[in-house]
Amino acid sequence: MKKLIIVTLIIMLASCATVKQTSSPAEDRSVPSATNIPAPPAGNLPTPPAGNLPSAESEDDQDNLILATLWFQKSAEMRALFYQCFRNAEIALKENLEMHCAGKPAADSSIPDDSGQAGSKKPAAVVLDIDETLLDNSPYQGWQVLQKKAFNNDDWFRWVELARAKPLPGAVEFTRYADSLGVEVFYVSNRTVGEMGPTISNMAAWGFANADSSHMLLKETVSSKVERRALIEKDYEILLLVGDNLADLSSIYEKRGPDHGFGAVDADRRLFGTRYIVLPNPMYGNWLNDLLRSAPGSTEREKLLNMLEGF
C-alpha cells in the first residue's frame, strides 16, 4: 500500500512539472512528416509574416487549434469552399476586366477604399495574399498542436525553407486564368523578404503564374499592405483583391473596433464577390487577435470561453 502511494505521488509531481506552450494567433499549415521538420541552413532567421501567423507565446497547449486545423485539412467542405471562391473570382475578374476595357468603372468602385481608380487607363492587375489563400500551411499548425509548441521564428522558417506547402484547391488555376486574360498577377504577403527564395521555389514548382521577385511584394518592416498595394497602383489598376484576412483587401479593416468589424463589412457588402474575394481560414487571423486583445481573462482559453455566446 505504501509503495502504491509513493508511486502515485511521483506521477502527480511529474505531471505538475510539465510545461505547456501555446500560440496567440495574429492576423497573414496530411501532417505526418511535419513532426520531423529538419533544421534550415545556417544563417539569419527572418521574422514571421506578421498578421498572418500565430505570433505570441503562452503557457497553454495548442488544443484550441485542433478542430480548426482538422477542418482545414480533412473536411470536403473546405475544398468545396475554395473551389467556389476561386470560381467566383474568375467570374468577377472577367466582368471587371470587360468594364475596364470598355472604360467603365470596376464593380462598385464608387465605394471609397484604398485601392483602385475608376476609369483608369492603366493595365489590369489582380492582387493575392499567399498563406491560407494560395498555399496551405496547415501542416505547420498541426505540428504546433502535436508538439505543444507556441509559434516562434525558428520553427516557422524551418517550415518555409522546406518549400513544401501545397497549393489550395483552385488557387493555381485561378492565377493561370488571370494571366491568360492578360491581367498581371501580384502577390502581397506578410512573409518577410528573407523568405523570398523558398517562397518563389515553392510557388514556381506548383506552376503559379508570375512566381518571381518582381511580382511578389513581401514584408520589409510594415505589416500593413496599403503601401505595397499603392506601389502596384502606380502602374496598374487593381481589378480584384483576394485573401483570407480582411486587411488583405483594404485598410478599412485594419482596425475593427468593438463590433469586430461587422459594421465595415456590412457597409461594403456589395464589394464581396465583385471586387473582394475572401477565403475561409478558421485557424488564425486578425479576427482572433482582436478577440484575444479585448476579451477578459488571464489565459487564452479563458478569454476565448468568455467570448462565446450561448442560450
Foldseek 3Di string as FASTA:
>chain_A
DVVVVVVVVVVVVVVVPDWFKAFQFAAQAVLPCLLPQDFDPDDDFDFALGQRGTDDMDRHFHVVQVVLLCCCVPPVVQQVQLQVLLVLVLVLLVQQVVCQVVQAFFFPPVPDFLAFDRSDPFAEAAEEEPDLFFWHRSSLVVSRNVVSHYDDRRSVVSSLQVLPTDTRRNRQVSQVSCVVVVHHYAYEYSGAPVSLVSPLVSCVVVRRPPSDDVRYHYDDPDSQCSVVSVVVRVRHHYNAYEEQACSSPGPVQVDCPPVLVPVVCVVCVSCDSNRYGHRHRPNHRNSSNVQQVPADDDHSVVSVVRPDDDD
